[in-house]
C-alpha atoms as a PDB file:
ATOM      1  CA  UNK A   1      68.842  -9.741  69.283  1.00  0.00           C
ATOM      2  CA  UNK A   2      67.143 -13.138  68.955  1.00  0.00           C
ATOM      3  CA  UNK A   3      65.489 -14.151  65.695  1.00  0.00           C
ATOM      4  CA  UNK A   4      62.151 -15.890  66.231  1.00  0.00           C
ATOM      5  CA  UNK A   5      61.321 -16.281  62.540  1.00  0.00           C
ATOM      6  CA  UNK A   6      62.104 -20.025  62.423  1.00  0.00           C
ATOM      7  CA  UNK A   7      59.516 -22.816  62.470  1.00  0.00           C
ATOM      8  CA  UNK A   8      57.123 -22.514  65.359  1.00  0.00           C
ATOM      9  CA  UNK A   9      56.886 -25.267  67.950  1.00  0.00           C
ATOM     10  CA  UNK A  10      53.653 -27.209  67.638  1.00  0.00           C
ATOM     11  CA  UNK A  11      52.586 -28.883  70.882  1.00  0.00           C
ATOM     12  CA  UNK A  12      51.374 -32.451  70.995  1.00  0.00           C
ATOM     13  CA  UNK A  13      47.618 -33.083  70.971  1.00  0.00           C
ATOM     14  CA  UNK A  14      46.144 -33.983  74.363  1.00  0.00           C
ATOM     15  CA  UNK A  15      42.411 -34.606  74.836  1.00  0.00           C
ATOM     16  CA  UNK A  16      40.887 -32.170  77.307  1.00  0.00           C
ATOM     17  CA  UNK A  17      37.662 -34.025  78.176  1.00  0.00           C
ATOM     18  CA  UNK A  18      37.151 -37.496  79.539  1.00  0.00           C
ATOM     19  CA  UNK A  19      33.922 -39.358  80.302  1.00  0.00           C
ATOM     20  CA  UNK A  20      31.083 -37.241  81.733  1.00  0.00           C
ATOM     21  CA  UNK A  21      33.062 -34.028  81.173  1.00  0.00           C
ATOM     22  CA  UNK A  22      35.870 -34.882  83.604  1.00  0.00           C
ATOM     23  CA  UNK A  23      39.446 -34.145  82.512  1.00  0.00           C
ATOM     24  CA  UNK A  24      40.888 -37.055  80.565  1.00  0.00           C
ATOM     25  CA  UNK A  25      43.314 -39.349  82.370  1.00  0.00           C
ATOM     26  CA  UNK A  26      46.733 -38.851  80.799  1.00  0.00           C
ATOM     27  CA  UNK A  27      47.313 -42.562  80.108  1.00  0.00           C
ATOM     28  CA  UNK A  28      43.859 -44.165  79.988  1.00  0.00           C
ATOM     29  CA  UNK A  29      42.094 -45.666  76.960  1.00  0.00           C
ATOM     30  CA  UNK A  30      41.253 -43.088  74.327  1.00  0.00           C
ATOM     31  CA  UNK A  31      43.582 -40.496  75.832  1.00  0.00           C
ATOM     32  CA  UNK A  32      46.787 -41.288  73.960  1.00  0.00           C
ATOM     33  CA  UNK A  33      49.001 -38.310  73.280  1.00  0.00           C
ATOM     34  CA  UNK A  34      49.899 -38.277  69.609  1.00  0.00           C
ATOM     35  CA  UNK A  35      52.599 -36.733  67.498  1.00  0.00           C
ATOM     36  CA  UNK A  36      50.978 -35.429  64.311  1.00  0.00           C
ATOM     37  CA  UNK A  37      53.771 -33.146  63.133  1.00  0.00           C
ATOM     38  CA  UNK A  38      55.064 -35.544  60.462  1.00  0.00           C
ATOM     39  CA  UNK A  39      51.645 -35.934  58.839  1.00  0.00           C
ATOM     40  CA  UNK A  40      50.832 -39.186  60.622  1.00  0.00           C
ATOM     41  CA  UNK A  41      48.977 -39.868  63.817  1.00  0.00           C
ATOM     42  CA  UNK A  42      51.584 -41.968  65.606  1.00  0.00           C
ATOM     43  CA  UNK A  43      51.123 -42.159  69.364  1.00  0.00           C
ATOM     44  CA  UNK A  44      53.902 -41.210  71.723  1.00  0.00           C
ATOM     45  CA  UNK A  45      55.327 -43.953  73.889  1.00  0.00           C
ATOM     46  CA  UNK A  46      53.933 -44.006  77.423  1.00  0.00           C
ATOM     47  CA  UNK A  47      56.320 -43.895  80.404  1.00  0.00           C
ATOM     48  CA  UNK A  48      55.793 -47.579  81.261  1.00  0.00           C
ATOM     49  CA  UNK A  49      56.764 -48.706  77.784  1.00  0.00           C
ATOM     50  CA  UNK A  50      59.783 -46.375  77.816  1.00  0.00           C
ATOM     51  CA  UNK A  51      60.839 -47.967  81.116  1.00  0.00           C
ATOM     52  CA  UNK A  52      60.442 -51.428  79.528  1.00  0.00           C
ATOM     53  CA  UNK A  53      62.783 -50.387  76.693  1.00  0.00           C
ATOM     54  CA  UNK A  54      65.314 -49.136  79.249  1.00  0.00           C
ATOM     55  CA  UNK A  55      65.134 -52.438  81.152  1.00  0.00           C
ATOM     56  CA  UNK A  56      65.635 -54.344  77.887  1.00  0.00           C
ATOM     57  CA  UNK A  57      68.673 -52.200  77.082  1.00  0.00           C
ATOM     58  CA  UNK A  58      70.105 -52.828  80.544  1.00  0.00           C
ATOM     59  CA  UNK A  59      69.435 -56.584  80.357  1.00  0.00           C
ATOM     60  CA  UNK A  60      71.039 -56.803  76.914  1.00  0.00           C
ATOM     61  CA  UNK A  61      74.058 -54.842  78.143  1.00  0.00           C
ATOM     62  CA  UNK A  62      74.488 -57.189  81.134  1.00  0.00           C
ATOM     63  CA  UNK A  63      73.978 -60.407  79.138  1.00  0.00           C
ATOM     64  CA  UNK A  64      76.398 -59.358  76.381  1.00  0.00           C
ATOM     65  CA  UNK A  65      78.873 -57.778  78.808  1.00  0.00           C
ATOM     66  CA  UNK A  66      78.240 -54.429  77.144  1.00  0.00           C
ATOM     67  CA  UNK A  67      79.967 -55.325  73.868  1.00  0.00           C
ATOM     68  CA  UNK A  68      76.969 -56.867  72.103  1.00  0.00           C
ATOM     69  CA  UNK A  69      74.684 -54.060  73.245  1.00  0.00           C
ATOM     70  CA  UNK A  70      77.175 -51.425  72.056  1.00  0.00           C
ATOM     71  CA  UNK A  71      77.577 -53.034  68.619  1.00  0.00           C
ATOM     72  CA  UNK A  72      73.801 -53.402  68.270  1.00  0.00           C
ATOM     73  CA  UNK A  73      73.368 -49.774  69.369  1.00  0.00           C
ATOM     74  CA  UNK A  74      75.819 -48.542  66.766  1.00  0.00           C
ATOM     75  CA  UNK A  75      73.672 -50.251  64.120  1.00  0.00           C
ATOM     76  CA  UNK A  76      70.252 -49.149  65.423  1.00  0.00           C
ATOM     77  CA  UNK A  77      71.149 -45.498  66.091  1.00  0.00           C
ATOM     78  CA  UNK A  78      70.915 -44.800  62.347  1.00  0.00           C
ATOM     79  CA  UNK A  79      67.177 -45.544  62.608  1.00  0.00           C
ATOM     80  CA  UNK A  80      66.699 -43.403  65.734  1.00  0.00           C
ATOM     81  CA  UNK A  81      66.538 -46.422  68.033  1.00  0.00           C
ATOM     82  CA  UNK A  82      68.348 -48.263  70.784  1.00  0.00           C
ATOM     83  CA  UNK A  83      68.225 -52.079  70.887  1.00  0.00           C
ATOM     84  CA  UNK A  84      65.422 -52.011  73.481  1.00  0.00           C
ATOM     85  CA  UNK A  85      63.452 -49.441  71.506  1.00  0.00           C
ATOM     86  CA  UNK A  86      63.896 -51.489  68.330  1.00  0.00           C
ATOM     87  CA  UNK A  87      62.506 -54.606  70.009  1.00  0.00           C
ATOM     88  CA  UNK A  88      59.467 -52.682  71.277  1.00  0.00           C
ATOM     89  CA  UNK A  89      58.816 -50.720  68.083  1.00  0.00           C
ATOM     90  CA  UNK A  90      59.809 -47.290  69.423  1.00  0.00           C
ATOM     91  CA  UNK A  91      61.675 -44.601  67.524  1.00  0.00           C
ATOM     92  CA  UNK A  92      63.310 -41.389  68.747  1.00  0.00           C
ATOM     93  CA  UNK A  93      62.183 -38.555  66.488  1.00  0.00           C
ATOM     94  CA  UNK A  94      62.882 -34.855  66.119  1.00  0.00           C
ATOM     95  CA  UNK A  95      60.281 -32.922  68.103  1.00  0.00           C
ATOM     96  CA  UNK A  96      59.601 -30.378  65.348  1.00  0.00           C
ATOM     97  CA  UNK A  97      59.604 -32.575  62.233  1.00  0.00           C
ATOM     98  CA  UNK A  98      58.787 -36.085  63.451  1.00  0.00           C
ATOM     99  CA  UNK A  99      61.683 -37.526  61.437  1.00  0.00           C
ATOM    100  CA  UNK A 100      63.724 -40.204  63.257  1.00  0.00           C
ATOM    101  CA  UNK A 101      67.015 -38.872  64.593  1.00  0.00           C
ATOM    102  CA  UNK A 102      70.137 -39.480  62.534  1.00  0.00           C
ATOM    103  CA  UNK A 103      73.000 -41.627  63.764  1.00  0.00           C
ATOM    104  CA  UNK A 104      74.951 -38.550  64.880  1.00  0.00           C
ATOM    105  CA  UNK A 105      72.061 -37.027  66.839  1.00  0.00           C
ATOM    106  CA  UNK A 106      71.318 -40.379  68.472  1.00  0.00           C
ATOM    107  CA  UNK A 107      74.972 -40.705  69.458  1.00  0.00           C
ATOM    108  CA  UNK A 108      74.900 -37.208  70.988  1.00  0.00           C
ATOM    109  CA  UNK A 109      71.592 -37.950  72.747  1.00  0.00           C
ATOM    110  CA  UNK A 110      72.723 -41.292  74.161  1.00  0.00           C
ATOM    111  CA  UNK A 111      76.386 -40.549  74.926  1.00  0.00           C
ATOM    112  CA  UNK A 112      76.308 -36.874  75.944  1.00  0.00           C
ATOM    113  CA  UNK A 113      72.802 -35.952  77.085  1.00  0.00           C
ATOM    114  CA  UNK A 114      71.993 -39.294  78.650  1.00  0.00           C
ATOM    115  CA  UNK A 115      75.144 -41.124  79.717  1.00  0.00           C
ATOM    116  CA  UNK A 116      77.735 -38.441  80.417  1.00  0.00           C
ATOM    117  CA  UNK A 117      75.442 -35.706  81.708  1.00  0.00           C
ATOM    118  CA  UNK A 118      73.265 -38.235  83.545  1.00  0.00           C
ATOM    119  CA  UNK A 119      76.272 -39.788  85.255  1.00  0.00           C
ATOM    120  CA  UNK A 120      77.901 -36.486  86.223  1.00  0.00           C
ATOM    121  CA  UNK A 121      74.695 -34.832  87.428  1.00  0.00           C
ATOM    122  CA  UNK A 122      73.466 -38.073  88.994  1.00  0.00           C
ATOM    123  CA  UNK A 123      76.619 -38.330  91.100  1.00  0.00           C
ATOM    124  CA  UNK A 124      76.654 -34.613  91.907  1.00  0.00           C
ATOM    125  CA  UNK A 125      73.030 -34.600  93.077  1.00  0.00           C
ATOM    126  CA  UNK A 126      72.930 -38.018  94.774  1.00  0.00           C
ATOM    127  CA  UNK A 127      70.708 -39.376  91.963  1.00  0.00           C
ATOM    128  CA  UNK A 128      68.148 -36.556  92.224  1.00  0.00           C
ATOM    129  CA  UNK A 129      68.845 -35.664  88.575  1.00  0.00           C
ATOM    130  CA  UNK A 130      68.145 -39.245  87.473  1.00  0.00           C
ATOM    131  CA  UNK A 131      64.840 -39.270  89.359  1.00  0.00           C
ATOM    132  CA  UNK A 132      63.864 -35.888  87.882  1.00  0.00           C
ATOM    133  CA  UNK A 133      64.809 -37.114  84.400  1.00  0.00           C
ATOM    134  CA  UNK A 134      62.635 -40.218  84.799  1.00  0.00           C
ATOM    135  CA  UNK A 135      59.738 -38.237  86.309  1.00  0.00           C
ATOM    136  CA  UNK A 136      59.666 -35.930  83.290  1.00  0.00           C
ATOM    137  CA  UNK A 137      58.355 -38.888  81.229  1.00  0.00           C
ATOM    138  CA  UNK A 138      55.014 -38.203  82.937  1.00  0.00           C
ATOM    139  CA  UNK A 139      54.885 -34.609  81.637  1.00  0.00           C
ATOM    140  CA  UNK A 140      52.968 -33.516  78.550  1.00  0.00           C
ATOM    141  CA  UNK A 141      54.584 -35.115  75.530  1.00  0.00           C
ATOM    142  CA  UNK A 142      56.294 -37.742  77.720  1.00  0.00           C
ATOM    143  CA  UNK A 143      59.620 -35.943  77.210  1.00  0.00           C
ATOM    144  CA  UNK A 144      62.426 -36.579  79.679  1.00  0.00           C
ATOM    145  CA  UNK A 145      65.171 -34.066  80.390  1.00  0.00           C
ATOM    146  CA  UNK A 146      67.545 -35.764  77.954  1.00  0.00           C
ATOM    147  CA  UNK A 147      64.764 -35.650  75.309  1.00  0.00           C
ATOM    148  CA  UNK A 148      64.404 -31.917  75.885  1.00  0.00           C
ATOM    149  CA  UNK A 149      68.174 -31.408  75.614  1.00  0.00           C
ATOM    150  CA  UNK A 150      68.294 -33.399  72.370  1.00  0.00           C
ATOM    151  CA  UNK A 151      65.102 -31.892  70.904  1.00  0.00           C
ATOM    152  CA  UNK A 152      63.551 -35.337  70.610  1.00  0.00           C
ATOM    153  CA  UNK A 153      60.417 -37.273  71.421  1.00  0.00           C
ATOM    154  CA  UNK A 154      59.874 -41.055  71.576  1.00  0.00           C
ATOM    155  CA  UNK A 155      57.003 -42.354  69.450  1.00  0.00           C
ATOM    156  CA  UNK A 156      55.927 -45.614  67.896  1.00  0.00           C
ATOM    157  CA  UNK A 157      57.286 -46.518  64.451  1.00  0.00           C
END
């Protein structure tokens, strides 16, 4: 039998009304989704900014032939960041507590949930998995599939 007595999931806050009573646009001014679970009101990172961090990570990996990016990653994972996320002021946090992920959880998120699983499922599904993973950034909470697997959310520092 499953025990449901643990901490309850608290969803992110999303405004329900926009101008003149219309539903709020998910990414327009004044409609930022926030992550208040850690006692602050830090906004979650929008999909476009997440994509910018990914492009920065890829560019850094290409320019440094992978070695510089890997060494930088090993240092930034302890703060819940990748090099691209660090440059843009993003942090990967636990979805229930808001605390940045530890080095070990970041390593699992990046190496297992993102790289290994993404590569295997991406090849097996002719990249459909990678497209679905990226599209999930437009869902409530801006959580991709690898965020959901790791129990994480990307927010600003």
